[in-house]
Amino acid sequence: MATDYDAPRKQEEESPADSLEALQASRGGNAQTAVIDLDENDTAEGIDLPGADLSNEELTVIVVPEQQDEFTCSSCFLVRHRSQVALEKNGLKYCIECEG
């Protein structure tokens, strides 16, 4: 059956159930609230807003020296396992990804 999109639409009367007061009354006192899933270790201080001033914050990082079974790629400067050495030229080592 073809639909005539140019025909005027039927004006449906607003039922009382569609009003805001009727919807609130039908819910009763069971208002739904949003639940945010936060880690128990999270605090308000751990959540940073974009554009926040972090100039007085101190960053603590533990630096682990290169191990015997690791090397630093001379191209990408990432520390890799020695099994990823693809090329060693003039004492410089290159990883598989850089030479691949």
C-alpha atoms as a PDB file:
ATOM      1  CA  MET A   1       0.000   0.000   0.000  1.00  0.00           C
ATOM      2  CA  ALA A   2       1.417   3.367  -1.013  1.00  0.00           C
ATOM      3  CA  THR A   3       1.848   6.146   1.547  1.00  0.00           C
ATOM      4  CA  ASP A   4       0.967   9.716   0.642  1.00  0.00           C
ATOM      5  CA  TYR A   5       3.548  11.822   2.448  1.00  0.00           C
ATOM      6  CA  ASP A   6       1.898  15.067   1.293  1.00  0.00           C
ATOM      7  CA  ALA A   7      -1.366  14.293   3.090  1.00  0.00           C
ATOM      8  CA  PRO A   8      -1.936  16.218   6.333  1.00  0.00           C
ATOM      9  CA  ARG A   9      -1.060  14.333   9.459  1.00  0.00           C
ATOM     10  CA  LYS A  10      -3.698  13.355  11.944  1.00  0.00           C
ATOM     11  CA  GLN A  11      -3.553  15.401  15.122  1.00  0.00           C
ATOM     12  CA  GLU A  12      -3.573  12.939  17.974  1.00  0.00           C
ATOM     13  CA  GLU A  13      -4.882  14.331  21.212  1.00  0.00           C
ATOM     14  CA  GLU A  14      -2.345  14.413  23.998  1.00  0.00           C
ATOM     15  CA  SER A  15      -3.212  11.741  26.470  1.00  0.00           C
ATOM     16  CA  PRO A  16      -2.882  12.580  30.167  1.00  0.00           C
ATOM     17  CA  ALA A  17      -0.234   9.847  30.530  1.00  0.00           C
ATOM     18  CA  ASP A  18       2.087  11.830  28.247  1.00  0.00           C
ATOM     19  CA  SER A  19       2.295  14.857  30.511  1.00  0.00           C
ATOM     20  CA  LEU A  20       5.308  15.356  32.767  1.00  0.00           C
ATOM     21  CA  GLU A  21       3.232  15.253  35.918  1.00  0.00           C
ATOM     22  CA  ALA A  22       1.630  11.972  34.885  1.00  0.00           C
ATOM     23  CA  LEU A  23       4.994  10.388  34.111  1.00  0.00           C
ATOM     24  CA  GLN A  24       6.430  11.496  37.459  1.00  0.00           C
ATOM     25  CA  ALA A  25       3.358  10.189  39.266  1.00  0.00           C
ATOM     26  CA  SER A  26       3.578   6.834  37.512  1.00  0.00           C
ATOM     27  CA  ARG A  27       7.170   6.406  38.664  1.00  0.00           C
ATOM     28  CA  GLY A  28       6.248   7.205  42.215  1.00  0.00           C
ATOM     29  CA  GLY A  29       9.200   7.628  44.544  1.00  0.00           C
ATOM     30  CA  ASN A  30      11.458   5.287  42.543  1.00  0.00           C
ATOM     31  CA  ALA A  31      13.640   7.948  40.972  1.00  0.00           C
ATOM     32  CA  GLN A  32      16.545   6.518  39.045  1.00  0.00           C
ATOM     33  CA  THR A  33      20.015   7.828  39.775  1.00  0.00           C
ATOM     34  CA  ALA A  34      23.190   7.509  37.759  1.00  0.00           C
ATOM     35  CA  VAL A  35      25.853   5.223  39.172  1.00  0.00           C
ATOM     36  CA  ILE A  36      29.522   5.980  38.518  1.00  0.00           C
ATOM     37  CA  ASP A  37      31.841   3.007  38.748  1.00  0.00           C
ATOM     38  CA  LEU A  38      34.952   4.231  40.545  1.00  0.00           C
ATOM     39  CA  ASP A  39      37.823   2.203  41.842  1.00  0.00           C
ATOM     40  CA  GLU A  40      37.919   2.130  45.635  1.00  0.00           C
ATOM     41  CA  ASN A  41      41.419   3.621  45.501  1.00  0.00           C
ATOM     42  CA  ASP A  42      40.236   6.604  43.457  1.00  0.00           C
ATOM     43  CA  THR A  43      39.884   9.882  45.263  1.00  0.00           C
ATOM     44  CA  ALA A  44      38.780  13.292  44.117  1.00  0.00           C
ATOM     45  CA  GLU A  45      42.453  14.236  43.969  1.00  0.00           C
ATOM     46  CA  GLY A  46      43.119  11.356  41.536  1.00  0.00           C
ATOM     47  CA  ILE A  47      40.713  12.683  38.905  1.00  0.00           C
ATOM     48  CA  ASP A  48      42.237  15.457  36.800  1.00  0.00           C
ATOM     49  CA  LEU A  49      40.095  17.748  34.718  1.00  0.00           C
ATOM     50  CA  PRO A  50      41.284  18.900  31.296  1.00  0.00           C
ATOM     51  CA  GLY A  51      43.174  22.158  31.556  1.00  0.00           C
ATOM     52  CA  ALA A  52      43.946  21.688  35.244  1.00  0.00           C
ATOM     53  CA  ASP A  53      47.049  23.428  36.597  1.00  0.00           C
ATOM     54  CA  LEU A  54      49.553  20.672  37.388  1.00  0.00           C
ATOM     55  CA  SER A  55      52.617  22.900  37.700  1.00  0.00           C
ATOM     56  CA  ASN A  56      53.012  22.228  41.436  1.00  0.00           C
ATOM     57  CA  GLU A  57      52.672  18.439  41.105  1.00  0.00           C
ATOM     58  CA  GLU A  58      55.671  16.117  41.375  1.00  0.00           C
ATOM     59  CA  LEU A  59      55.962  12.989  39.238  1.00  0.00           C
ATOM     60  CA  THR A  60      57.606   9.940  40.779  1.00  0.00           C
ATOM     61  CA  VAL A  61      58.914   7.316  38.353  1.00  0.00           C
ATOM     62  CA  ILE A  62      61.112   4.338  39.125  1.00  0.00           C
ATOM     63  CA  VAL A  63      63.720   3.910  36.396  1.00  0.00           C
ATOM     64  CA  VAL A  64      64.974   0.366  35.897  1.00  0.00           C
ATOM     65  CA  PRO A  65      68.359   0.107  34.135  1.00  0.00           C
ATOM     66  CA  GLU A  66      68.711  -1.915  30.955  1.00  0.00           C
ATOM     67  CA  GLN A  67      69.032  -5.621  31.741  1.00  0.00           C
ATOM     68  CA  GLN A  68      71.631  -8.005  30.273  1.00  0.00           C
ATOM     69  CA  ASP A  69      69.091  -9.611  27.951  1.00  0.00           C
ATOM     70  CA  GLU A  70      67.877  -6.243  26.601  1.00  0.00           C
ATOM     71  CA  PHE A  71      69.151  -3.671  24.120  1.00  0.00           C
ATOM     72  CA  THR A  72      68.172  -0.180  23.042  1.00  0.00           C
ATOM     73  CA  CYS A  73      67.275   0.130  19.382  1.00  0.00           C
ATOM     74  CA  SER A  74      69.384   2.801  17.684  1.00  0.00           C
ATOM     75  CA  SER A  75      66.473   3.826  15.458  1.00  0.00           C
ATOM     76  CA  CYS A  76      63.367   3.988  17.683  1.00  0.00           C
ATOM     77  CA  PHE A  77      65.281   4.113  21.008  1.00  0.00           C
ATOM     78  CA  LEU A  78      62.952   1.571  22.637  1.00  0.00           C
ATOM     79  CA  VAL A  79      64.337  -1.025  25.001  1.00  0.00           C
ATOM     80  CA  ARG A  80      63.759  -4.453  23.460  1.00  0.00           C
ATOM     81  CA  HIS A  81      64.542  -8.065  24.307  1.00  0.00           C
ATOM     82  CA  ARG A  82      67.699  -9.315  22.603  1.00  0.00           C
ATOM     83  CA  SER A  83      65.624 -11.822  20.585  1.00  0.00           C
ATOM     84  CA  GLN A  84      64.323  -8.827  18.597  1.00  0.00           C
ATOM     85  CA  VAL A  85      67.722  -7.770  17.251  1.00  0.00           C
ATOM     86  CA  ALA A  86      67.451  -7.669  13.454  1.00  0.00           C
ATOM     87  CA  LEU A  87      70.717  -5.922  12.556  1.00  0.00           C
ATOM     88  CA  GLU A  88      73.920  -4.981  14.323  1.00  0.00           C
ATOM     89  CA  LYS A  89      76.093  -2.510  12.435  1.00  0.00           C
ATOM     90  CA  ASN A  90      79.074  -0.544  13.804  1.00  0.00           C
ATOM     91  CA  GLY A  91      78.169  -1.555  17.352  1.00  0.00           C
ATOM     92  CA  LEU A  92      74.612  -0.232  16.966  1.00  0.00           C
ATOM     93  CA  LYS A  93      71.672  -2.598  17.257  1.00  0.00           C
ATOM     94  CA  TYR A  94      68.364  -2.256  15.384  1.00  0.00           C
ATOM     95  CA  CYS A  95      65.105  -4.014  16.235  1.00  0.00           C
ATOM     96  CA  ILE A  96      62.937  -6.142  13.949  1.00  0.00           C
ATOM     97  CA  GLU A  97      60.278  -3.445  13.577  1.00  0.00           C
ATOM     98  CA  CYS A  98      62.710  -0.756  12.448  1.00  0.00           C
ATOM     99  CA  GLU A  99      64.508  -3.022   9.971  1.00  0.00           C
ATOM    100  CA  GLY A 100      61.386  -4.947   8.880  1.00  0.00           C
END
